[in-house]
Amino acid sequence: MKMETVVFGGGCFWCTEAVFKMLKGVVSVEPGYAGGKIKNPTYEQVVNGFTGHAEAARIEYDADTIPLETLLTVFFASHDPTSVNKQDYDVGDMYRSVIFYVNLNQREICEKFIADINASNQLGKPIVTAIEPLTEFYPAEEYHKNYYENNKQQGYCQVIINPKLKKVQEKFAKLLR
């Protein structure tokens, strides 16, 4: 196994966690906070917009089973990478589209991937996903972990997460566990 880590911010981390936990080759997904200016932020601080952190998910994966390019394909298909600081009903920089890379190779892959999408989509909106180095990742509070699995009947899960999961299941059936 060739273990690697990448951190994706694609809006609500409950959605991102649920999507990536379905994929073969993904070893673990942990919701948390990255890209901000304070240490050890709380959920309340992040969602109130005082930290600069994005809700994000740290994804540990076997690159021999699922390469970064495949993860990027799912990432870009499972949220709106053309929207600045907004995903569905979630608004603010904590919901921005961002990739936190852990090495220069990842950065290059992400930059090329986005450039290729933008070049092939001449009439569409450009990708606004930021690409930033991962300086620190702060795990979210326990009640955020496995949120979808533990709260499937909750309104947010029914209205926002379920459609994303269905879309991923339909488009990427071969990648699912």
C-alpha atoms as a PDB file:
ATOM      1  CA  MET A   1       0.000   0.000   0.000  1.00  0.00           C
ATOM      2  CA  LYS A   2       1.106   3.507  -0.803  1.00  0.00           C
ATOM      3  CA  MET A   3      -0.531   5.608   1.916  1.00  0.00           C
ATOM      4  CA  GLU A   4      -1.085   9.314   1.275  1.00  0.00           C
ATOM      5  CA  THR A   5      -3.122  12.100   2.832  1.00  0.00           C
ATOM      6  CA  VAL A   6      -4.971  15.037   1.298  1.00  0.00           C
ATOM      7  CA  VAL A   7      -7.453  17.468   2.848  1.00  0.00           C
ATOM      8  CA  PHE A   8     -10.536  18.631   0.941  1.00  0.00           C
ATOM      9  CA  GLY A   9     -12.845  21.471   1.842  1.00  0.00           C
ATOM     10  CA  GLY A  10     -15.990  21.187  -0.224  1.00  0.00           C
ATOM     11  CA  GLY A  11     -18.594  22.880   1.910  1.00  0.00           C
ATOM     12  CA  CYS A  12     -20.017  21.073   4.911  1.00  0.00           C
ATOM     13  CA  PHE A  13     -17.584  18.469   6.207  1.00  0.00           C
ATOM     14  CA  TRP A  14     -20.459  16.084   6.963  1.00  0.00           C
ATOM     15  CA  CYS A  15     -21.049  15.811   3.202  1.00  0.00           C
ATOM     16  CA  THR A  16     -17.384  15.463   2.304  1.00  0.00           C
ATOM     17  CA  GLU A  17     -16.853  12.776   4.937  1.00  0.00           C
ATOM     18  CA  ALA A  18     -19.890  10.757   3.797  1.00  0.00           C
ATOM     19  CA  VAL A  19     -18.884  10.899   0.121  1.00  0.00           C
ATOM     20  CA  PHE A  20     -15.280   9.800   0.567  1.00  0.00           C
ATOM     21  CA  LYS A  21     -16.027   7.061   3.094  1.00  0.00           C
ATOM     22  CA  MET A  22     -17.824   5.201   0.271  1.00  0.00           C
ATOM     23  CA  LEU A  23     -14.737   4.841  -1.922  1.00  0.00           C
ATOM     24  CA  LYS A  24     -12.480   1.813  -2.288  1.00  0.00           C
ATOM     25  CA  GLY A  25      -8.922   2.680  -1.332  1.00  0.00           C
ATOM     26  CA  VAL A  26      -9.919   5.360   1.153  1.00  0.00           C
ATOM     27  CA  VAL A  27      -8.623   4.156   4.499  1.00  0.00           C
ATOM     28  CA  SER A  28      -9.986   6.921   6.727  1.00  0.00           C
ATOM     29  CA  VAL A  29     -11.863  10.207   6.551  1.00  0.00           C
ATOM     30  CA  GLU A  30     -11.834  12.660   9.432  1.00  0.00           C
ATOM     31  CA  PRO A  31     -13.795  15.921   9.571  1.00  0.00           C
ATOM     32  CA  GLY A  32     -11.993  18.960  10.900  1.00  0.00           C
ATOM     33  CA  TYR A  33     -10.729  22.452  10.261  1.00  0.00           C
ATOM     34  CA  ALA A  34      -7.839  23.762   8.156  1.00  0.00           C
ATOM     35  CA  GLY A  35      -6.542  26.959   6.620  1.00  0.00           C
ATOM     36  CA  GLY A  36      -7.322  29.365   9.412  1.00  0.00           C
ATOM     37  CA  LYS A  37      -5.476  31.636  11.746  1.00  0.00           C
ATOM     38  CA  ILE A  38      -6.189  30.303  15.236  1.00  0.00           C
ATOM     39  CA  LYS A  39      -5.084  27.101  16.943  1.00  0.00           C
ATOM     40  CA  ASN A  40      -7.547  24.459  18.076  1.00  0.00           C
ATOM     41  CA  PRO A  41     -10.712  26.136  16.825  1.00  0.00           C
ATOM     42  CA  THR A  42     -14.132  24.979  17.935  1.00  0.00           C
ATOM     43  CA  TYR A  43     -17.047  24.344  15.607  1.00  0.00           C
ATOM     44  CA  GLU A  44     -18.832  27.396  16.967  1.00  0.00           C
ATOM     45  CA  GLN A  45     -15.811  29.621  16.259  1.00  0.00           C
ATOM     46  CA  VAL A  46     -15.442  28.268  12.726  1.00  0.00           C
ATOM     47  CA  VAL A  47     -19.106  28.547  11.718  1.00  0.00           C
ATOM     48  CA  ASN A  48     -19.312  32.051  13.145  1.00  0.00           C
ATOM     49  CA  GLY A  49     -16.588  33.047  10.684  1.00  0.00           C
ATOM     50  CA  PHE A  50     -13.973  34.236  13.179  1.00  0.00           C
ATOM     51  CA  THR A  51     -11.151  31.811  12.415  1.00  0.00           C
ATOM     52  CA  GLY A  52     -10.548  31.727   8.668  1.00  0.00           C
ATOM     53  CA  HIS A  53     -10.710  27.919   8.818  1.00  0.00           C
ATOM     54  CA  ALA A  54     -12.587  25.859   6.271  1.00  0.00           C
ATOM     55  CA  GLU A  55     -14.656  22.880   7.255  1.00  0.00           C
ATOM     56  CA  ALA A  56     -12.585  20.114   5.718  1.00  0.00           C
ATOM     57  CA  ALA A  57     -12.014  16.372   5.661  1.00  0.00           C
ATOM     58  CA  ARG A  58      -8.624  14.714   6.007  1.00  0.00           C
ATOM     59  CA  ILE A  59      -8.558  11.737   3.687  1.00  0.00           C
ATOM     60  CA  GLU A  60      -6.013   8.963   4.082  1.00  0.00           C
ATOM     61  CA  TYR A  61      -5.913   6.740   1.035  1.00  0.00           C
ATOM     62  CA  ASP A  62      -3.991   4.003  -0.706  1.00  0.00           C
ATOM     63  CA  ALA A  63      -2.688   5.731  -3.833  1.00  0.00           C
ATOM     64  CA  ASP A  64      -2.109   2.336  -5.467  1.00  0.00           C
ATOM     65  CA  THR A  65      -5.856   1.634  -5.234  1.00  0.00           C
ATOM     66  CA  ILE A  66      -7.271   5.130  -5.748  1.00  0.00           C
ATOM     67  CA  PRO A  67      -4.937   7.784  -7.153  1.00  0.00           C
ATOM     68  CA  LEU A  68      -5.268  11.464  -6.289  1.00  0.00           C
ATOM     69  CA  GLU A  69      -6.673  12.211  -9.749  1.00  0.00           C
ATOM     70  CA  THR A  70      -9.608   9.885  -9.040  1.00  0.00           C
ATOM     71  CA  LEU A  71     -10.209  11.512  -5.662  1.00  0.00           C
ATOM     72  CA  LEU A  72     -10.165  14.895  -7.404  1.00  0.00           C
ATOM     73  CA  THR A  73     -12.711  13.692  -9.957  1.00  0.00           C
ATOM     74  CA  VAL A  74     -15.092  12.699  -7.154  1.00  0.00           C
ATOM     75  CA  PHE A  75     -14.333  15.881  -5.187  1.00  0.00           C
ATOM     76  CA  PHE A  76     -15.172  18.164  -8.102  1.00  0.00           C
ATOM     77  CA  ALA A  77     -18.296  16.153  -8.980  1.00  0.00           C
ATOM     78  CA  SER A  78     -19.654  16.153  -5.425  1.00  0.00           C
ATOM     79  CA  HIS A  79     -19.725  19.900  -4.740  1.00  0.00           C
ATOM     80  CA  ASP A  80     -19.811  23.171  -6.674  1.00  0.00           C
ATOM     81  CA  PRO A  81     -16.182  24.181  -7.311  1.00  0.00           C
ATOM     82  CA  THR A  82     -17.323  27.284  -9.218  1.00  0.00           C
ATOM     83  CA  SER A  83     -19.009  28.940  -6.240  1.00  0.00           C
ATOM     84  CA  VAL A  84     -17.038  31.252  -3.969  1.00  0.00           C
ATOM     85  CA  ASN A  85     -17.667  30.624  -0.261  1.00  0.00           C
ATOM     86  CA  LYS A  86     -21.002  28.889  -0.805  1.00  0.00           C
ATOM     87  CA  GLN A  87     -22.268  25.323  -1.054  1.00  0.00           C
ATOM     88  CA  ASP A  88     -26.017  24.754  -1.148  1.00  0.00           C
ATOM     89  CA  TYR A  89     -27.428  26.655   1.849  1.00  0.00           C
ATOM     90  CA  ASP A  90     -24.056  26.947   3.594  1.00  0.00           C
ATOM     91  CA  VAL A  91     -22.515  30.388   3.070  1.00  0.00           C
ATOM     92  CA  GLY A  92     -19.203  31.815   4.290  1.00  0.00           C
ATOM     93  CA  ASP A  93     -15.484  31.240   3.870  1.00  0.00           C
ATOM     94  CA  MET A  94     -15.721  28.219   6.171  1.00  0.00           C
ATOM     95  CA  TYR A  95     -17.561  26.488   3.305  1.00  0.00           C
ATOM     96  CA  ARG A  96     -15.103  27.437   0.568  1.00  0.00           C
ATOM     97  CA  SER A  97     -13.879  24.997  -2.028  1.00  0.00           C
ATOM     98  CA  VAL A  98     -10.245  24.265  -1.187  1.00  0.00           C
ATOM     99  CA  ILE A  99      -7.636  21.550  -1.483  1.00  0.00           C
ATOM    100  CA  PHE A 100      -4.914  21.434   1.165  1.00  0.00           C
ATOM    101  CA  TYR A 101      -1.966  19.550  -0.276  1.00  0.00           C
ATOM    102  CA  VAL A 102       0.780  17.861   1.756  1.00  0.00           C
ATOM    103  CA  ASN A 103       3.571  17.834  -0.829  1.00  0.00           C
ATOM    104  CA  LEU A 104       4.600  19.553  -4.059  1.00  0.00           C
ATOM    105  CA  ASN A 105       3.618  16.578  -6.206  1.00  0.00           C
ATOM    106  CA  GLN A 106       0.049  16.862  -4.951  1.00  0.00           C
ATOM    107  CA  ARG A 107       0.045  20.591  -5.626  1.00  0.00           C
ATOM    108  CA  GLU A 108       1.198  20.021  -9.213  1.00  0.00           C
ATOM    109  CA  ILE A 109      -1.433  17.332  -9.784  1.00  0.00           C
ATOM    110  CA  CYS A 110      -4.173  19.612  -8.410  1.00  0.00           C
ATOM    111  CA  GLU A 111      -3.044  22.619 -10.450  1.00  0.00           C
ATOM    112  CA  LYS A 112      -2.944  20.554 -13.660  1.00  0.00           C
ATOM    113  CA  PHE A 113      -6.303  18.954 -12.902  1.00  0.00           C
ATOM    114  CA  ILE A 114      -8.001  22.329 -12.434  1.00  0.00           C
ATOM    115  CA  ALA A 115      -6.270  23.805 -15.502  1.00  0.00           C
ATOM    116  CA  ASP A 116      -7.475  20.845 -17.589  1.00  0.00           C
ATOM    117  CA  ILE A 117     -11.062  21.257 -16.370  1.00  0.00           C
ATOM    118  CA  ASN A 118     -11.019  24.986 -17.076  1.00  0.00           C
ATOM    119  CA  ALA A 119      -9.500  24.448 -20.537  1.00  0.00           C
ATOM    120  CA  SER A 120     -12.118  21.854 -21.486  1.00  0.00           C
ATOM    121  CA  ASN A 121     -15.040  23.894 -20.173  1.00  0.00           C
ATOM    122  CA  GLN A 122     -14.794  27.047 -22.266  1.00  0.00           C
ATOM    123  CA  LEU A 123     -18.419  28.092 -21.784  1.00  0.00           C
ATOM    124  CA  GLY A 124     -18.847  27.139 -18.132  1.00  0.00           C
ATOM    125  CA  LYS A 125     -17.902  28.952 -14.982  1.00  0.00           C
ATOM    126  CA  PRO A 126     -14.232  28.624 -14.010  1.00  0.00           C
ATOM    127  CA  ILE A 127     -13.144  26.526 -11.053  1.00  0.00           C
ATOM    128  CA  VAL A 128     -12.517  28.754  -8.012  1.00  0.00           C
ATOM    129  CA  THR A 129     -11.165  25.997  -5.761  1.00  0.00           C
ATOM    130  CA  ALA A 130      -8.131  27.234  -3.856  1.00  0.00           C
ATOM    131  CA  ILE A 131      -5.001  25.089  -3.614  1.00  0.00           C
ATOM    132  CA  GLU A 132      -3.125  25.689  -0.368  1.00  0.00           C
ATOM    133  CA  PRO A 133      -0.414  23.917   1.605  1.00  0.00           C
ATOM    134  CA  LEU A 134      -1.665  22.045   4.645  1.00  0.00           C
ATOM    135  CA  THR A 135      -0.062  23.736   7.602  1.00  0.00           C
ATOM    136  CA  GLU A 136      -2.268  22.300  10.320  1.00  0.00           C
ATOM    137  CA  PHE A 137      -5.380  20.156  10.539  1.00  0.00           C
ATOM    138  CA  TYR A 138      -7.557  20.271  13.635  1.00  0.00           C
ATOM    139  CA  PRO A 139      -9.928  17.319  14.069  1.00  0.00           C
ATOM    140  CA  ALA A 140     -13.551  18.260  14.632  1.00  0.00           C
ATOM    141  CA  GLU A 141     -15.374  17.499  17.836  1.00  0.00           C
ATOM    142  CA  GLU A 142     -16.470  13.875  18.329  1.00  0.00           C
ATOM    143  CA  TYR A 143     -20.130  14.491  17.503  1.00  0.00           C
ATOM    144  CA  HIS A 144     -19.155  15.512  13.940  1.00  0.00           C
ATOM    145  CA  LYS A 145     -17.408  12.221  13.206  1.00  0.00           C
ATOM    146  CA  ASN A 146     -19.538   9.770  11.216  1.00  0.00           C
ATOM    147  CA  TYR A 147     -22.257  12.407  11.306  1.00  0.00           C
ATOM    148  CA  TYR A 148     -24.203  11.094   8.340  1.00  0.00           C
ATOM    149  CA  GLU A 149     -24.041   7.486   9.506  1.00  0.00           C
ATOM    150  CA  ASN A 150     -25.304   8.503  12.943  1.00  0.00           C
ATOM    151  CA  ASN A 151     -27.960  10.994  11.783  1.00  0.00           C
ATOM    152  CA  LYS A 152     -29.410   9.729   8.477  1.00  0.00           C
ATOM    153  CA  GLN A 153     -32.938  10.795   9.425  1.00  0.00           C
ATOM    154  CA  GLN A 154     -31.914  14.376  10.289  1.00  0.00           C
ATOM    155  CA  GLY A 155     -33.289  16.986   7.863  1.00  0.00           C
ATOM    156  CA  TYR A 156     -29.884  18.203   6.638  1.00  0.00           C
ATOM    157  CA  CYS A 157     -28.858  14.632   5.857  1.00  0.00           C
ATOM    158  CA  GLN A 158     -32.105  13.972   3.959  1.00  0.00           C
ATOM    159  CA  VAL A 159     -32.133  17.199   1.945  1.00  0.00           C
ATOM    160  CA  ILE A 160     -28.432  17.925   1.331  1.00  0.00           C
ATOM    161  CA  ILE A 161     -26.292  14.822   1.914  1.00  0.00           C
ATOM    162  CA  ASN A 162     -28.549  12.108   0.439  1.00  0.00           C
ATOM    163  CA  PRO A 163     -28.693  13.709  -3.041  1.00  0.00           C
ATOM    164  CA  LYS A 164     -24.880  14.089  -3.070  1.00  0.00           C
ATOM    165  CA  LEU A 165     -24.409  10.460  -2.097  1.00  0.00           C
ATOM    166  CA  LYS A 166     -26.898   9.303  -4.717  1.00  0.00           C
ATOM    167  CA  LYS A 167     -25.099  11.328  -7.394  1.00  0.00           C
ATOM    168  CA  VAL A 168     -21.723   9.810  -6.424  1.00  0.00           C
ATOM    169  CA  GLN A 169     -23.206   6.312  -6.296  1.00  0.00           C
ATOM    170  CA  GLU A 170     -24.629   6.710  -9.801  1.00  0.00           C
ATOM    171  CA  LYS A 171     -21.609   8.386 -11.406  1.00  0.00           C
ATOM    172  CA  PHE A 172     -18.861   6.410  -9.660  1.00  0.00           C
ATOM    173  CA  ALA A 173     -20.361   2.968  -8.973  1.00  0.00           C
ATOM    174  CA  LYS A 174     -17.097   1.221  -9.886  1.00  0.00           C
ATOM    175  CA  LEU A 175     -15.225   3.157  -7.186  1.00  0.00           C
ATOM    176  CA  LEU A 176     -17.551   2.206  -4.326  1.00  0.00           C
ATOM    177  CA  ARG A 177     -16.789  -0.263  -1.574  1.00  0.00           C
END
